[in-house]
Amino acid sequence: PSYTMDTLPEPEDERVQLVVQPAQEVAVLRFSGWARGPVVQERTTSLLEWVKRHDRPTVGAPTLAQYDPPFTMPLMRRNEIWVALQ
């Protein structure tokens, strides 16, 4: 389905805000498990090495994205490190 800002449902939690973000190209490394310090650093390094090998300049710092509640089993957790590309 296709949505616009006018057709999106209102968030039930007032802390949630819907904002329009400009389109951007990003490089992403997906991984499962707990996203903790050493693992995040290792995955970030791997992503940045891949980006460098492919001669793609980046913009800004890498971002950690976590999609699951804390009670999700580690093997079922979805995490990503992503970095914007120029």
C-alpha atoms as a PDB file:
ATOM      1  CA  PRO A   1       0.000   0.000   0.000  1.00  0.00           C
ATOM      2  CA  SER A   2       1.043   3.560  -0.629  1.00  0.00           C
ATOM      3  CA  TYR A   3       0.727   6.120   2.135  1.00  0.00           C
ATOM      4  CA  THR A   4       1.031   9.871   2.398  1.00  0.00           C
ATOM      5  CA  MET A   5       1.421  11.971   5.521  1.00  0.00           C
ATOM      6  CA  ASP A   6      -2.318  12.677   5.281  1.00  0.00           C
ATOM      7  CA  THR A   7      -3.331   9.005   5.142  1.00  0.00           C
ATOM      8  CA  LEU A   8      -1.025   7.589   7.847  1.00  0.00           C
ATOM      9  CA  PRO A   9      -2.766   6.632  11.093  1.00  0.00           C
ATOM     10  CA  GLU A  10      -2.187   8.892  14.074  1.00  0.00           C
ATOM     11  CA  PRO A  11       0.335   7.380  16.532  1.00  0.00           C
ATOM     12  CA  GLU A  12      -1.222   6.190  19.785  1.00  0.00           C
ATOM     13  CA  ASP A  13       1.801   7.342  21.790  1.00  0.00           C
ATOM     14  CA  GLU A  14       2.333  11.116  21.880  1.00  0.00           C
ATOM     15  CA  ARG A  15       6.124  10.527  21.966  1.00  0.00           C
ATOM     16  CA  VAL A  16       5.947   9.183  18.398  1.00  0.00           C
ATOM     17  CA  GLN A  17       6.218  11.813  15.687  1.00  0.00           C
ATOM     18  CA  LEU A  18       5.823  11.323  11.948  1.00  0.00           C
ATOM     19  CA  VAL A  19       8.257  13.420   9.920  1.00  0.00           C
ATOM     20  CA  VAL A  20       9.131  13.540   6.231  1.00  0.00           C
ATOM     21  CA  GLN A  21      12.764  12.670   5.552  1.00  0.00           C
ATOM     22  CA  PRO A  22      14.480  13.319   2.220  1.00  0.00           C
ATOM     23  CA  ALA A  23      15.446  10.224   0.238  1.00  0.00           C
ATOM     24  CA  GLN A  24      19.039   9.100   0.652  1.00  0.00           C
ATOM     25  CA  GLU A  25      21.227   6.209  -0.393  1.00  0.00           C
ATOM     26  CA  VAL A  26      22.665   4.157   2.465  1.00  0.00           C
ATOM     27  CA  ALA A  27      24.884   1.110   2.888  1.00  0.00           C
ATOM     28  CA  VAL A  28      23.458  -1.376   5.415  1.00  0.00           C
ATOM     29  CA  LEU A  29      24.818  -4.388   7.278  1.00  0.00           C
ATOM     30  CA  ARG A  30      22.117  -6.542   8.881  1.00  0.00           C
ATOM     31  CA  PHE A  31      22.848  -8.849  11.814  1.00  0.00           C
ATOM     32  CA  SER A  32      21.050 -10.783  14.546  1.00  0.00           C
ATOM     33  CA  GLY A  33      21.781 -11.213  18.235  1.00  0.00           C
ATOM     34  CA  TRP A  34      22.387  -8.644  20.928  1.00  0.00           C
ATOM     35  CA  ALA A  35      23.649  -5.288  19.654  1.00  0.00           C
ATOM     36  CA  ARG A  36      26.255  -4.596  22.315  1.00  0.00           C
ATOM     37  CA  GLY A  37      29.536  -2.641  22.260  1.00  0.00           C
ATOM     38  CA  PRO A  38      32.066  -5.099  20.776  1.00  0.00           C
ATOM     39  CA  VAL A  39      29.571  -6.599  18.315  1.00  0.00           C
ATOM     40  CA  VAL A  40      28.389  -3.182  17.143  1.00  0.00           C
ATOM     41  CA  GLN A  41      31.990  -1.996  16.733  1.00  0.00           C
ATOM     42  CA  GLU A  42      32.934  -5.120  14.741  1.00  0.00           C
ATOM     43  CA  ARG A  43      29.899  -4.786  12.446  1.00  0.00           C
ATOM     44  CA  THR A  44      30.490  -1.050  11.980  1.00  0.00           C
ATOM     45  CA  THR A  45      34.122  -1.676  11.044  1.00  0.00           C
ATOM     46  CA  SER A  46      33.049  -4.366   8.548  1.00  0.00           C
ATOM     47  CA  LEU A  47      30.521  -2.042   6.922  1.00  0.00           C
ATOM     48  CA  LEU A  48      32.957   0.865   6.659  1.00  0.00           C
ATOM     49  CA  GLU A  49      35.630  -1.434   5.177  1.00  0.00           C
ATOM     50  CA  TRP A  50      33.123  -2.662   2.569  1.00  0.00           C
ATOM     51  CA  VAL A  51      32.148   0.922   1.696  1.00  0.00           C
ATOM     52  CA  LYS A  52      35.813   1.903   1.352  1.00  0.00           C
ATOM     53  CA  ARG A  53      36.608  -1.142  -0.855  1.00  0.00           C
ATOM     54  CA  HIS A  54      33.774  -0.074  -3.163  1.00  0.00           C
ATOM     55  CA  ASP A  55      35.063   3.508  -3.257  1.00  0.00           C
ATOM     56  CA  ARG A  56      31.855   5.032  -1.880  1.00  0.00           C
ATOM     57  CA  PRO A  57      32.259   8.193   0.187  1.00  0.00           C
ATOM     58  CA  THR A  58      30.070   8.420   3.289  1.00  0.00           C
ATOM     59  CA  VAL A  59      28.193  11.276   4.917  1.00  0.00           C
ATOM     60  CA  GLY A  60      28.030  11.460   8.708  1.00  0.00           C
ATOM     61  CA  ALA A  61      28.472   8.751  11.290  1.00  0.00           C
ATOM     62  CA  PRO A  62      27.108   5.195  11.093  1.00  0.00           C
ATOM     63  CA  THR A  63      23.775   4.547  12.818  1.00  0.00           C
ATOM     64  CA  LEU A  64      22.662   1.507  14.801  1.00  0.00           C
ATOM     65  CA  ALA A  65      19.042   0.482  14.168  1.00  0.00           C
ATOM     66  CA  GLN A  66      17.347  -2.093  16.413  1.00  0.00           C
ATOM     67  CA  TYR A  67      13.860  -3.329  15.557  1.00  0.00           C
ATOM     68  CA  ASP A  68      12.800  -5.749  18.277  1.00  0.00           C
ATOM     69  CA  PRO A  69      11.626  -5.498  21.889  1.00  0.00           C
ATOM     70  CA  PRO A  70      14.156  -6.618  24.526  1.00  0.00           C
ATOM     71  CA  PHE A  71      12.382  -9.926  25.187  1.00  0.00           C
ATOM     72  CA  THR A  72      12.949 -11.155  21.591  1.00  0.00           C
ATOM     73  CA  MET A  73      15.234 -14.198  21.434  1.00  0.00           C
ATOM     74  CA  PRO A  74      18.740 -13.219  20.227  1.00  0.00           C
ATOM     75  CA  LEU A  75      18.628 -15.340  17.064  1.00  0.00           C
ATOM     76  CA  MET A  76      15.340 -13.696  16.087  1.00  0.00           C
ATOM     77  CA  ARG A  77      16.518 -10.114  16.684  1.00  0.00           C
ATOM     78  CA  ARG A  78      17.036  -7.824  13.691  1.00  0.00           C
ATOM     79  CA  ASN A  79      19.699  -5.146  13.922  1.00  0.00           C
ATOM     80  CA  GLU A  80      21.346  -2.992  11.275  1.00  0.00           C
ATOM     81  CA  ILE A  81      24.308  -0.669  11.010  1.00  0.00           C
ATOM     82  CA  TRP A  82      23.793   1.872   8.250  1.00  0.00           C
ATOM     83  CA  VAL A  83      25.723   4.805   6.889  1.00  0.00           C
ATOM     84  CA  ALA A  84      24.624   7.434   4.368  1.00  0.00           C
ATOM     85  CA  LEU A  85      26.477   7.532   1.048  1.00  0.00           C
ATOM     86  CA  GLN A  86      27.347  10.582  -1.039  1.00  0.00           C
END
